[in-house]
Amino acid sequence: MAEKNAEKNKVTVRIAGSEYVITGNESPEYIQKVALFVDRKLMEITRKNHLLSTSMASVLASINMADEVFRLREALRSNERELEDLRKKYQELKDESQKIKMENIKLKEHESQLMIELTKRETELKEVRNTLNSLQNTGKKNN
C-alpha cells in the first residue's frame, strides 16, 4: 500500500475465514476494499479446487494477482507510449495548423494587394476606353 504522511489506521479484515489486523496509511475503507479483493480471489480458486489448502490457494491467488499486475503494467507502458506518440502527432498537427494559418494570412494579404492592383488596372482600362471613345467621337465629328 502506498506510503503517505498520514496517521496509521488499524483495520481488522477477514480473508479466507481468518481475521487479520492490517495497519496502513490508507483509509479503513480502502484497506477493507483490498482485503475483500484478496478474499474473493482466494474464494475463486478454492471454488475451482476444494482440495487445495489455504496456503496453496494463497500461493495460486498471489501468482494470479502478480500475473494481472504484470499484464496491467505492460498495458500501462503500452498506453503511455501510445499517449506519447499521440502527443507528438498532436504537436506536429498543431505546428502544421499554425504554419497553414500564417500562410493563409499571407495569402489574404497578397489577395488584398492583387485586388487593389486589379482595381487600379480596371480604372486605367476605363480611362483608356474613355479616351479611345473620345478620340473616335472626335474623329467622327471631323469627318
Protein backbone atom coordinates (compact mmCIF):
# COMPACT_ATOMS: atom_id res chain seq x y z
CA MET A 1 0.00 0.00 0.00
CA ALA A 2 1.19 3.50 -0.83
CA GLU A 3 3.14 5.46 1.75
CA LYS A 4 1.53 8.73 2.84
CA ASN A 5 2.24 11.26 5.55
CA ALA A 6 -0.88 10.40 7.49
CA GLU A 7 -1.95 8.65 10.64
CA LYS A 8 -1.71 4.85 10.54
CA ASN A 9 -5.02 3.02 10.51
CA LYS A 10 -5.54 -0.41 12.07
CA VAL A 11 -8.27 -2.36 10.40
CA THR A 12 -9.50 -5.88 11.15
CA VAL A 13 -10.27 -7.75 7.95
CA ARG A 14 -11.48 -11.26 7.16
CA ILE A 15 -9.70 -13.21 4.43
CA ALA A 16 -10.46 -16.89 3.76
CA GLY A 17 -12.27 -17.18 7.07
CA SER A 18 -9.42 -15.82 9.16
CA GLU A 19 -9.18 -12.40 10.74
CA TYR A 20 -6.13 -10.21 10.24
CA VAL A 21 -5.25 -6.79 11.60
CA ILE A 22 -3.88 -4.65 8.81
CA THR A 23 -2.06 -1.42 9.58
CA GLY A 24 -1.67 1.17 6.86
CA ASN A 25 -1.76 4.83 5.94
CA GLU A 26 -4.76 4.42 3.66
CA SER A 27 -8.33 4.89 4.75
CA PRO A 28 -10.05 1.99 6.51
CA GLU A 29 -12.44 1.76 3.55
CA TYR A 30 -9.56 1.31 1.13
CA ILE A 31 -7.91 -1.35 3.32
CA GLN A 32 -11.24 -3.21 3.54
CA LYS A 33 -11.65 -2.99 -0.24
CA VAL A 34 -8.19 -4.50 -0.81
CA ALA A 35 -8.85 -7.27 1.70
CA LEU A 36 -12.19 -8.04 0.06
CA PHE A 37 -10.44 -8.27 -3.32
CA VAL A 38 -7.90 -10.77 -1.92
CA ASP A 39 -10.67 -12.75 -0.20
CA ARG A 40 -12.64 -13.00 -3.45
CA LYS A 41 -9.56 -14.15 -5.35
CA LEU A 42 -8.99 -16.90 -2.77
CA MET A 43 -12.64 -17.96 -2.89
CA GLU A 44 -12.44 -18.09 -6.70
CA ILE A 45 -9.51 -20.51 -6.52
CA THR A 46 -10.90 -22.69 -3.72
CA ARG A 47 -14.26 -22.97 -5.55
CA LYS A 48 -12.42 -24.45 -8.55
CA ASN A 49 -10.41 -26.91 -6.43
CA HIS A 50 -11.78 -27.84 -2.98
CA LEU A 51 -8.74 -29.98 -2.20
CA LEU A 52 -6.30 -27.04 -2.06
CA SER A 53 -5.08 -25.95 1.34
CA THR A 54 -5.45 -22.29 2.27
CA SER A 55 -1.70 -21.97 1.86
CA MET A 56 -1.72 -23.42 -1.69
CA ALA A 57 -4.78 -21.34 -2.62
CA SER A 58 -2.96 -18.25 -1.31
CA VAL A 59 0.08 -19.04 -3.45
CA LEU A 60 -2.07 -19.55 -6.55
CA ALA A 61 -4.02 -16.36 -5.82
CA SER A 62 -0.72 -14.50 -5.40
CA ILE A 63 0.54 -15.85 -8.73
CA ASN A 64 -2.71 -14.89 -10.46
CA MET A 65 -2.64 -11.39 -8.98
CA ALA A 66 1.06 -10.96 -9.85
CA ASP A 67 0.25 -12.05 -13.42
CA GLU A 68 -2.54 -9.48 -13.52
CA VAL A 69 -0.19 -6.78 -12.17
CA PHE A 70 2.46 -7.61 -14.81
CA ARG A 71 -0.11 -7.55 -17.61
CA LEU A 72 -1.58 -4.26 -16.37
CA ARG A 73 1.89 -2.72 -16.09
CA GLU A 74 2.67 -3.76 -19.66
CA ALA A 75 -0.67 -2.38 -20.83
CA LEU A 76 0.09 0.85 -18.95
CA ARG A 77 3.52 1.13 -20.59
CA SER A 78 1.95 0.47 -23.97
CA ASN A 79 -0.71 3.11 -23.32
CA GLU A 80 1.93 5.58 -22.15
CA ARG A 81 3.92 5.01 -25.36
CA GLU A 82 0.78 5.42 -27.43
CA LEU A 83 -0.10 8.58 -25.49
CA GLU A 84 3.39 9.98 -26.10
CA ASP A 85 3.08 9.18 -29.82
CA LEU A 86 -0.32 10.89 -29.90
CA ARG A 87 1.08 13.93 -28.08
CA LYS A 88 3.88 14.18 -30.65
CA LYS A 89 1.40 13.80 -33.51
CA TYR A 90 -0.86 16.42 -31.90
CA GLN A 91 2.08 18.83 -31.60
CA GLU A 92 3.06 18.20 -35.23
CA LEU A 93 -0.52 18.85 -36.36
CA LYS A 94 -0.74 21.92 -34.16
CA ASP A 95 2.52 23.25 -35.65
CA GLU A 96 1.30 22.46 -39.16
CA SER A 97 -2.01 24.19 -38.44
CA GLN A 98 -0.16 27.29 -37.20
CA LYS A 99 2.00 27.26 -40.32
CA ILE A 100 -1.08 26.97 -42.54
CA LYS A 101 -2.80 29.81 -40.65
CA MET A 102 0.24 32.04 -41.19
CA GLU A 103 0.35 31.08 -44.85
CA ASN A 104 -3.37 31.85 -45.09
CA ILE A 105 -2.81 35.31 -43.58
CA LYS A 106 -0.03 35.99 -46.12
CA LEU A 107 -2.24 34.78 -48.97
CA LYS A 108 -5.07 37.03 -47.82
CA GLU A 109 -2.69 39.97 -47.71
CA HIS A 110 -1.46 39.08 -51.19
CA GLU A 111 -5.05 38.74 -52.39
CA SER A 112 -5.82 42.17 -50.96
CA GLN A 113 -2.82 43.66 -52.79
CA LEU A 114 -3.90 41.96 -56.01
CA MET A 115 -7.43 43.30 -55.60
CA ILE A 116 -6.04 46.83 -55.19
CA GLU A 117 -3.86 46.30 -58.28
CA LEU A 118 -6.87 44.92 -60.18
CA THR A 119 -8.95 47.96 -59.22
CA LYS A 120 -6.15 50.28 -60.40
CA ARG A 121 -5.86 48.40 -63.71
CA GLU A 122 -9.62 48.44 -64.21
CA THR A 123 -9.62 52.19 -63.57
CA GLU A 124 -6.77 52.66 -66.03
CA LEU A 125 -8.56 50.49 -68.58
CA LYS A 126 -11.75 52.50 -68.13
CA GLU A 127 -9.79 55.73 -68.66
CA VAL A 128 -8.15 54.32 -71.79
CA ARG A 129 -11.55 53.25 -73.15
CA ASN A 130 -12.98 56.68 -72.38
CA THR A 131 -10.02 58.29 -74.15
CA LEU A 132 -10.47 55.96 -77.15
CA ASN A 133 -14.18 56.70 -77.25
CA SER A 134 -13.46 60.42 -77.09
CA LEU A 135 -10.93 60.16 -79.89
CA GLN A 136 -13.31 58.08 -82.00
CA ASN A 137 -16.13 60.55 -81.40
CA THR A 138 -13.84 63.45 -82.25
CA GLY A 139 -12.72 61.60 -85.39
CA LYS A 140 -16.33 61.01 -86.44
CA LYS A 141 -17.20 64.68 -85.94
CA ASN A 142 -14.25 65.71 -88.05
CA ASN A 143 -15.32 63.50 -90.94
